[in-house]
Amino acid sequence: MKQNRIRARIFQIIMIIYIAAVGFLCFANFHQMPSVPKSFLGIEMDKIVHFFMFFPFPILAFFAYDRLTNTPWQALAALISISAIGCAFAGMTEVVQDFLPYRVKDFNDFGADCLAVGIASVLVFIIDVSKMKKE
């Protein structure tokens, strides 16, 4: 039990670092950076970056607090909560960007963020429920 608490504490620290890194990536001024390709396989590179930037959110949240679910219903409630918090975080980054003179709010970025949070949340839910069946 103590080992689970230590693991959860480590993932809570990683989650804080992750949130700080996402904040930096969302709010920093990257106009001086070298140019990168505009798209990959027909998808805007910016949307791909947003997807991968928010994909870890539910995974880290799960590992930081995974002992909170013991039944499939609790896992579903956690899935909904984690998804809502992740999407709210994504929305807040876009709102703040609207106030920065060197950044632009983009609803499609928010969509890519929420898609990543949703897919990762479903994966976490599947893992969580399958873990319950093994116990």
N, C-alpha and C. Protein backbone atom coordinates (compact mmCIF):
# COMPACT_ATOMS: atom_id res chain seq x y z
N MET A 1 0.82 -1.19 0.00
CA MET A 1 0.00 0.00 0.00
C MET A 1 0.86 1.26 0.00
N LYS A 2 1.92 1.25 0.82
CA LYS A 2 2.80 2.41 0.88
C LYS A 2 3.50 2.63 -0.46
N GLN A 3 3.81 1.53 -1.14
CA GLN A 3 4.46 1.63 -2.45
C GLN A 3 3.53 2.31 -3.46
N ASN A 4 2.22 2.03 -3.38
CA ASN A 4 1.24 2.68 -4.26
C ASN A 4 1.18 4.18 -4.00
N ARG A 5 1.27 4.57 -2.73
CA ARG A 5 1.25 6.00 -2.40
C ARG A 5 2.50 6.71 -2.92
N ILE A 6 3.63 6.04 -2.82
CA ILE A 6 4.88 6.63 -3.34
C ILE A 6 4.78 6.79 -4.85
N ARG A 7 4.28 5.74 -5.54
CA ARG A 7 4.11 5.81 -7.00
C ARG A 7 3.14 6.93 -7.38
N ALA A 8 2.04 7.03 -6.65
CA ALA A 8 1.07 8.08 -6.92
C ALA A 8 1.69 9.46 -6.71
N ARG A 9 2.47 9.63 -5.65
CA ARG A 9 3.13 10.91 -5.37
C ARG A 9 4.09 11.27 -6.51
N ILE A 10 4.84 10.30 -7.00
CA ILE A 10 5.76 10.55 -8.12
C ILE A 10 5.00 11.01 -9.35
N PHE A 11 3.87 10.34 -9.64
CA PHE A 11 3.08 10.74 -10.81
C PHE A 11 2.39 12.08 -10.60
N GLN A 12 2.06 12.43 -9.37
CA GLN A 12 1.51 13.76 -9.10
C GLN A 12 2.55 14.84 -9.40
N ILE A 13 3.80 14.57 -9.04
CA ILE A 13 4.88 15.52 -9.34
C ILE A 13 5.08 15.61 -10.85
N ILE A 14 5.06 14.47 -11.53
CA ILE A 14 5.20 14.46 -13.00
C ILE A 14 4.04 15.24 -13.62
N MET A 15 2.83 15.09 -13.06
CA MET A 15 1.66 15.81 -13.59
C MET A 15 1.85 17.31 -13.47
N ILE A 16 2.38 17.78 -12.36
CA ILE A 16 2.63 19.21 -12.17
C ILE A 16 3.65 19.70 -13.20
N ILE A 17 4.71 18.93 -13.40
CA ILE A 17 5.73 19.30 -14.40
C ILE A 17 5.12 19.30 -15.80
N TYR A 18 4.29 18.31 -16.09
CA TYR A 18 3.62 18.23 -17.39
C TYR A 18 2.73 19.45 -17.63
N ILE A 19 1.94 19.84 -16.63
CA ILE A 19 1.06 21.01 -16.77
C ILE A 19 1.88 22.27 -17.00
N ALA A 20 2.99 22.40 -16.29
CA ALA A 20 3.87 23.55 -16.50
C ALA A 20 4.45 23.55 -17.91
N ALA A 21 4.83 22.38 -18.40
CA ALA A 21 5.38 22.28 -19.76
C ALA A 21 4.34 22.63 -20.81
N VAL A 22 3.11 22.14 -20.62
CA VAL A 22 2.04 22.48 -21.56
C VAL A 22 1.78 23.98 -21.53
N GLY A 23 1.76 24.56 -20.34
CA GLY A 23 1.59 26.01 -20.23
C GLY A 23 2.66 26.76 -20.98
N PHE A 24 3.90 26.32 -20.82
CA PHE A 24 5.00 26.96 -21.54
C PHE A 24 4.80 26.84 -23.05
N LEU A 25 4.48 25.64 -23.52
CA LEU A 25 4.31 25.43 -24.96
C LEU A 25 3.13 26.22 -25.52
N CYS A 26 2.09 26.39 -24.71
CA CYS A 26 0.91 27.12 -25.19
C CYS A 26 1.08 28.64 -25.15
N PHE A 27 1.91 29.14 -24.24
CA PHE A 27 1.97 30.58 -24.04
C PHE A 27 3.28 31.23 -24.49
N ALA A 28 4.29 30.43 -24.81
CA ALA A 28 5.58 31.01 -25.20
C ALA A 28 5.49 31.59 -26.61
N ASN A 29 6.41 32.49 -26.89
CA ASN A 29 6.50 33.11 -28.21
C ASN A 29 7.52 32.33 -29.04
N PHE A 30 7.01 31.59 -30.03
CA PHE A 30 7.88 30.75 -30.86
C PHE A 30 8.09 31.35 -32.26
N HIS A 31 7.85 32.62 -32.43
CA HIS A 31 7.98 33.22 -33.75
C HIS A 31 9.42 33.29 -34.22
N GLN A 32 10.38 33.20 -33.33
CA GLN A 32 11.80 33.24 -33.71
C GLN A 32 12.34 31.86 -34.06
N MET A 33 11.53 30.83 -33.91
CA MET A 33 11.96 29.45 -34.18
C MET A 33 12.04 29.22 -35.68
N PRO A 34 12.87 28.26 -36.09
CA PRO A 34 12.93 27.93 -37.52
C PRO A 34 11.59 27.38 -38.02
N SER A 35 11.36 27.55 -39.27
CA SER A 35 10.11 27.10 -39.87
C SER A 35 10.05 25.57 -39.90
N VAL A 36 8.86 25.02 -39.66
CA VAL A 36 8.63 23.57 -39.72
C VAL A 36 7.59 23.32 -40.80
N PRO A 37 7.49 22.06 -41.27
CA PRO A 37 6.48 21.78 -42.29
C PRO A 37 5.08 22.15 -41.78
N LYS A 38 4.25 22.64 -42.68
CA LYS A 38 2.91 23.10 -42.30
C LYS A 38 1.93 21.96 -42.07
N SER A 39 2.19 20.78 -42.70
CA SER A 39 1.27 19.66 -42.54
C SER A 39 2.02 18.34 -42.64
N PHE A 40 1.36 17.30 -42.13
CA PHE A 40 1.89 15.94 -42.22
C PHE A 40 0.71 15.05 -42.57
N LEU A 41 0.80 14.36 -43.69
CA LEU A 41 -0.28 13.51 -44.18
C LEU A 41 -1.59 14.27 -44.32
N GLY A 42 -1.49 15.54 -44.70
CA GLY A 42 -2.67 16.37 -44.91
C GLY A 42 -3.26 16.98 -43.65
N ILE A 43 -2.67 16.71 -42.50
CA ILE A 43 -3.15 17.27 -41.23
C ILE A 43 -2.21 18.39 -40.83
N GLU A 44 -2.78 19.52 -40.43
CA GLU A 44 -1.94 20.64 -40.01
C GLU A 44 -1.03 20.21 -38.87
N MET A 45 0.24 20.55 -38.97
CA MET A 45 1.22 20.16 -37.96
C MET A 45 0.85 20.71 -36.58
N ASP A 46 0.27 21.90 -36.55
CA ASP A 46 -0.16 22.50 -35.30
C ASP A 46 -1.18 21.62 -34.57
N LYS A 47 -2.09 21.02 -35.32
CA LYS A 47 -3.12 20.16 -34.70
C LYS A 47 -2.48 18.86 -34.19
N ILE A 48 -1.51 18.34 -34.90
CA ILE A 48 -0.80 17.14 -34.46
C ILE A 48 -0.05 17.42 -33.16
N VAL A 49 0.59 18.57 -33.08
CA VAL A 49 1.31 18.96 -31.87
C VAL A 49 0.33 19.08 -30.71
N HIS A 50 -0.81 19.72 -30.95
CA HIS A 50 -1.81 19.87 -29.88
C HIS A 50 -2.32 18.50 -29.43
N PHE A 51 -2.55 17.60 -30.37
CA PHE A 51 -3.02 16.26 -30.01
C PHE A 51 -2.02 15.57 -29.08
N PHE A 52 -0.77 15.55 -29.47
CA PHE A 52 0.24 14.86 -28.66
C PHE A 52 0.58 15.61 -27.37
N MET A 53 0.33 16.88 -27.35
CA MET A 53 0.59 17.65 -26.14
C MET A 53 -0.45 17.31 -25.05
N PHE A 54 -1.69 17.03 -25.44
CA PHE A 54 -2.75 16.76 -24.46
C PHE A 54 -3.03 15.27 -24.26
N PHE A 55 -2.49 14.41 -25.08
CA PHE A 55 -2.72 12.97 -24.94
C PHE A 55 -2.26 12.43 -23.59
N PRO A 56 -1.14 12.87 -23.03
CA PRO A 56 -0.69 12.32 -21.74
C PRO A 56 -1.56 12.70 -20.55
N PHE A 57 -2.38 13.72 -20.66
CA PHE A 57 -3.12 14.22 -19.50
C PHE A 57 -3.90 13.13 -18.76
N PRO A 58 -4.78 12.37 -19.43
CA PRO A 58 -5.55 11.35 -18.71
C PRO A 58 -4.67 10.22 -18.18
N ILE A 59 -3.63 9.89 -18.88
CA ILE A 59 -2.73 8.81 -18.46
C ILE A 59 -2.02 9.19 -17.17
N LEU A 60 -1.48 10.40 -17.13
CA LEU A 60 -0.82 10.86 -15.91
C LEU A 60 -1.81 10.99 -14.76
N ALA A 61 -3.01 11.49 -15.04
CA ALA A 61 -4.02 11.61 -14.00
C ALA A 61 -4.39 10.23 -13.44
N PHE A 62 -4.50 9.26 -14.31
CA PHE A 62 -4.82 7.90 -13.87
C PHE A 62 -3.74 7.36 -12.94
N PHE A 63 -2.50 7.49 -13.35
CA PHE A 63 -1.43 6.95 -12.52
C PHE A 63 -1.22 7.76 -11.23
N ALA A 64 -1.61 9.01 -11.26
CA ALA A 64 -1.49 9.81 -10.04
C ALA A 64 -2.60 9.48 -9.04
N TYR A 65 -3.74 8.98 -9.53
CA TYR A 65 -4.89 8.76 -8.65
C TYR A 65 -5.60 7.43 -8.93
N ASP A 66 -4.90 6.40 -9.41
CA ASP A 66 -5.58 5.19 -9.90
C ASP A 66 -6.22 4.37 -8.79
N ARG A 67 -5.92 4.58 -7.56
CA ARG A 67 -6.54 3.80 -6.48
C ARG A 67 -7.92 4.34 -6.11
N LEU A 68 -8.41 5.32 -6.83
CA LEU A 68 -9.73 5.87 -6.53
C LEU A 68 -10.85 5.06 -7.19
N THR A 69 -10.51 4.12 -8.07
CA THR A 69 -11.54 3.35 -8.77
C THR A 69 -11.44 1.87 -8.40
N ASN A 70 -12.57 1.33 -7.95
CA ASN A 70 -12.62 -0.09 -7.61
C ASN A 70 -13.71 -0.82 -8.38
N THR A 71 -14.61 -0.07 -9.01
CA THR A 71 -15.71 -0.67 -9.77
C THR A 71 -15.75 -0.01 -11.16
N PRO A 72 -16.38 -0.69 -12.12
CA PRO A 72 -16.53 -0.06 -13.44
C PRO A 72 -17.26 1.29 -13.40
N TRP A 73 -18.24 1.43 -12.49
CA TRP A 73 -18.96 2.70 -12.39
C TRP A 73 -18.05 3.81 -11.88
N GLN A 74 -17.19 3.49 -10.92
CA GLN A 74 -16.22 4.47 -10.45
C GLN A 74 -15.23 4.83 -11.56
N ALA A 75 -14.84 3.83 -12.34
CA ALA A 75 -13.92 4.07 -13.46
C ALA A 75 -14.58 4.98 -14.50
N LEU A 76 -15.88 4.77 -14.75
CA LEU A 76 -16.61 5.63 -15.69
C LEU A 76 -16.69 7.05 -15.16
N ALA A 77 -16.98 7.19 -13.87
CA ALA A 77 -17.03 8.53 -13.26
C ALA A 77 -15.66 9.20 -13.36
N ALA A 78 -14.60 8.44 -13.14
CA ALA A 78 -13.24 8.99 -13.27
C ALA A 78 -12.97 9.40 -14.71
N LEU A 79 -13.41 8.58 -15.66
CA LEU A 79 -13.24 8.89 -17.08
C LEU A 79 -13.91 10.21 -17.42
N ILE A 80 -15.12 10.38 -16.98
CA ILE A 80 -15.86 11.62 -17.26
C ILE A 80 -15.18 12.81 -16.59
N SER A 81 -14.78 12.64 -15.34
CA SER A 81 -14.12 13.73 -14.61
C SER A 81 -12.79 14.11 -15.24
N ILE A 82 -11.97 13.12 -15.54
CA ILE A 82 -10.67 13.38 -16.15
C ILE A 82 -10.84 14.05 -17.51
N SER A 83 -11.79 13.57 -18.30
CA SER A 83 -12.03 14.17 -19.62
C SER A 83 -12.48 15.62 -19.48
N ALA A 84 -13.40 15.86 -18.55
CA ALA A 84 -13.91 17.22 -18.36
C ALA A 84 -12.80 18.16 -17.89
N ILE A 85 -11.99 17.71 -16.94
CA ILE A 85 -10.89 18.54 -16.45
C ILE A 85 -9.87 18.78 -17.56
N GLY A 86 -9.54 17.74 -18.31
CA GLY A 86 -8.58 17.90 -19.42
C GLY A 86 -9.08 18.86 -20.48
N CYS A 87 -10.36 18.76 -20.83
CA CYS A 87 -10.91 19.67 -21.84
C CYS A 87 -11.03 21.10 -21.29
N ALA A 88 -11.33 21.22 -20.01
CA ALA A 88 -11.37 22.57 -19.40
C ALA A 88 -9.98 23.19 -19.42
N PHE A 89 -8.97 22.40 -19.12
CA PHE A 89 -7.58 22.87 -19.18
C PHE A 89 -7.24 23.31 -20.60
N ALA A 90 -7.63 22.50 -21.59
CA ALA A 90 -7.38 22.85 -22.99
C ALA A 90 -8.10 24.15 -23.36
N GLY A 91 -9.34 24.28 -22.92
CA GLY A 91 -10.10 25.51 -23.20
C GLY A 91 -9.47 26.73 -22.57
N MET A 92 -8.99 26.57 -21.34
CA MET A 92 -8.34 27.71 -20.67
C MET A 92 -7.09 28.15 -21.42
N THR A 93 -6.34 27.20 -21.97
CA THR A 93 -5.13 27.60 -22.71
C THR A 93 -5.50 28.43 -23.93
N GLU A 94 -6.59 28.06 -24.59
CA GLU A 94 -7.00 28.82 -25.77
C GLU A 94 -7.52 30.20 -25.39
N VAL A 95 -8.25 30.30 -24.29
CA VAL A 95 -8.76 31.60 -23.84
C VAL A 95 -7.60 32.53 -23.48
N VAL A 96 -6.62 31.99 -22.75
CA VAL A 96 -5.46 32.81 -22.38
C VAL A 96 -4.69 33.25 -23.62
N GLN A 97 -4.56 32.35 -24.59
CA GLN A 97 -3.85 32.72 -25.83
C GLN A 97 -4.50 33.90 -26.53
N ASP A 98 -5.81 34.04 -26.38
CA ASP A 98 -6.51 35.15 -27.01
C ASP A 98 -6.06 36.50 -26.45
N PHE A 99 -5.54 36.52 -25.24
CA PHE A 99 -5.08 37.75 -24.60
C PHE A 99 -3.60 38.05 -24.89
N LEU A 100 -2.89 37.10 -25.51
CA LEU A 100 -1.47 37.30 -25.80
C LEU A 100 -1.32 37.88 -27.20
N PRO A 101 -0.55 38.95 -27.36
CA PRO A 101 -0.45 39.59 -28.67
C PRO A 101 0.25 38.73 -29.73
N TYR A 102 1.03 37.75 -29.32
CA TYR A 102 1.80 36.93 -30.26
C TYR A 102 1.19 35.54 -30.45
N ARG A 103 0.02 35.29 -29.85
CA ARG A 103 -0.66 34.00 -30.00
C ARG A 103 -2.07 34.25 -30.50
N VAL A 104 -2.69 33.19 -31.05
CA VAL A 104 -4.04 33.30 -31.59
C VAL A 104 -4.89 32.16 -31.03
N LYS A 105 -6.08 32.48 -30.58
CA LYS A 105 -7.03 31.47 -30.13
C LYS A 105 -7.55 30.73 -31.36
N ASP A 106 -7.58 29.41 -31.30
CA ASP A 106 -8.04 28.61 -32.44
C ASP A 106 -8.94 27.49 -31.92
N PHE A 107 -10.20 27.51 -32.31
CA PHE A 107 -11.15 26.50 -31.85
C PHE A 107 -10.73 25.11 -32.32
N ASN A 108 -10.08 25.01 -33.48
CA ASN A 108 -9.63 23.71 -33.97
C ASN A 108 -8.50 23.14 -33.11
N ASP A 109 -7.68 23.99 -32.51
CA ASP A 109 -6.67 23.52 -31.55
C ASP A 109 -7.37 22.89 -30.35
N PHE A 110 -8.41 23.57 -29.88
CA PHE A 110 -9.20 23.04 -28.76
C PHE A 110 -9.80 21.68 -29.13
N GLY A 111 -10.26 21.54 -30.35
CA GLY A 111 -10.81 20.26 -30.82
C GLY A 111 -9.77 19.16 -30.82
N ALA A 112 -8.56 19.47 -31.28
CA ALA A 112 -7.48 18.48 -31.28
C ALA A 112 -7.10 18.09 -29.85
N ASP A 113 -7.09 19.08 -28.95
CA ASP A 113 -6.79 18.83 -27.55
C ASP A 113 -7.83 17.88 -26.94
N CYS A 114 -9.10 18.18 -27.16
CA CYS A 114 -10.18 17.37 -26.58
C CYS A 114 -10.24 15.98 -27.20
N LEU A 115 -9.92 15.87 -28.49
CA LEU A 115 -9.86 14.56 -29.13
C LEU A 115 -8.79 13.70 -28.46
N ALA A 116 -7.64 14.28 -28.21
CA ALA A 116 -6.56 13.56 -27.54
C ALA A 116 -6.96 13.14 -26.14
N VAL A 117 -7.55 14.06 -25.39
CA VAL A 117 -7.99 13.75 -24.02
C VAL A 117 -9.04 12.65 -24.06
N GLY A 118 -9.96 12.72 -24.99
CA GLY A 118 -11.02 11.70 -25.09
C GLY A 118 -10.48 10.32 -25.43
N ILE A 119 -9.60 10.24 -26.42
CA ILE A 119 -9.04 8.95 -26.82
C ILE A 119 -8.21 8.36 -25.69
N ALA A 120 -7.37 9.18 -25.08
CA ALA A 120 -6.54 8.68 -23.98
C ALA A 120 -7.40 8.28 -22.78
N SER A 121 -8.48 9.00 -22.52
CA SER A 121 -9.37 8.65 -21.41
C SER A 121 -10.05 7.30 -21.65
N VAL A 122 -10.47 7.05 -22.86
CA VAL A 122 -11.08 5.76 -23.18
C VAL A 122 -10.06 4.64 -23.00
N LEU A 123 -8.83 4.86 -23.45
CA LEU A 123 -7.78 3.85 -23.25
C LEU A 123 -7.53 3.60 -21.77
N VAL A 124 -7.47 4.65 -20.98
CA VAL A 124 -7.28 4.51 -19.53
C VAL A 124 -8.45 3.75 -18.92
N PHE A 125 -9.66 4.04 -19.35
CA PHE A 125 -10.84 3.34 -18.85
C PHE A 125 -10.75 1.85 -19.14
N ILE A 126 -10.39 1.50 -20.36
CA ILE A 126 -10.26 0.09 -20.74
C ILE A 126 -9.20 -0.60 -19.89
N ILE A 127 -8.08 0.06 -19.70
CA ILE A 127 -7.01 -0.51 -18.87
C ILE A 127 -7.48 -0.66 -17.43
N ASP A 128 -8.15 0.33 -16.91
CA ASP A 128 -8.62 0.31 -15.53
C ASP A 128 -9.61 -0.83 -15.31
N VAL A 129 -10.59 -0.97 -16.19
CA VAL A 129 -11.60 -2.03 -16.04
C VAL A 129 -10.95 -3.40 -16.22
N SER A 130 -10.05 -3.55 -17.17
CA SER A 130 -9.39 -4.84 -17.35
C SER A 130 -8.52 -5.18 -16.14
N LYS A 131 -7.93 -4.18 -15.51
CA LYS A 131 -7.15 -4.40 -14.29
C LYS A 131 -8.05 -4.89 -13.17
N MET A 132 -9.26 -4.36 -13.10
CA MET A 132 -10.23 -4.79 -12.08
C MET A 132 -10.60 -6.27 -12.26
N LYS A 133 -10.75 -6.70 -13.49
CA LYS A 133 -11.15 -8.08 -13.78
C LYS A 133 -10.05 -9.06 -13.38
N LYS A 134 -8.79 -8.61 -13.44
CA LYS A 134 -7.66 -9.48 -13.07
C LYS A 134 -7.52 -9.63 -11.57
N GLU A 135 -8.00 -8.65 -10.81
CA GLU A 135 -7.85 -8.67 -9.35
C GLU A 135 -8.85 -9.52 -8.67
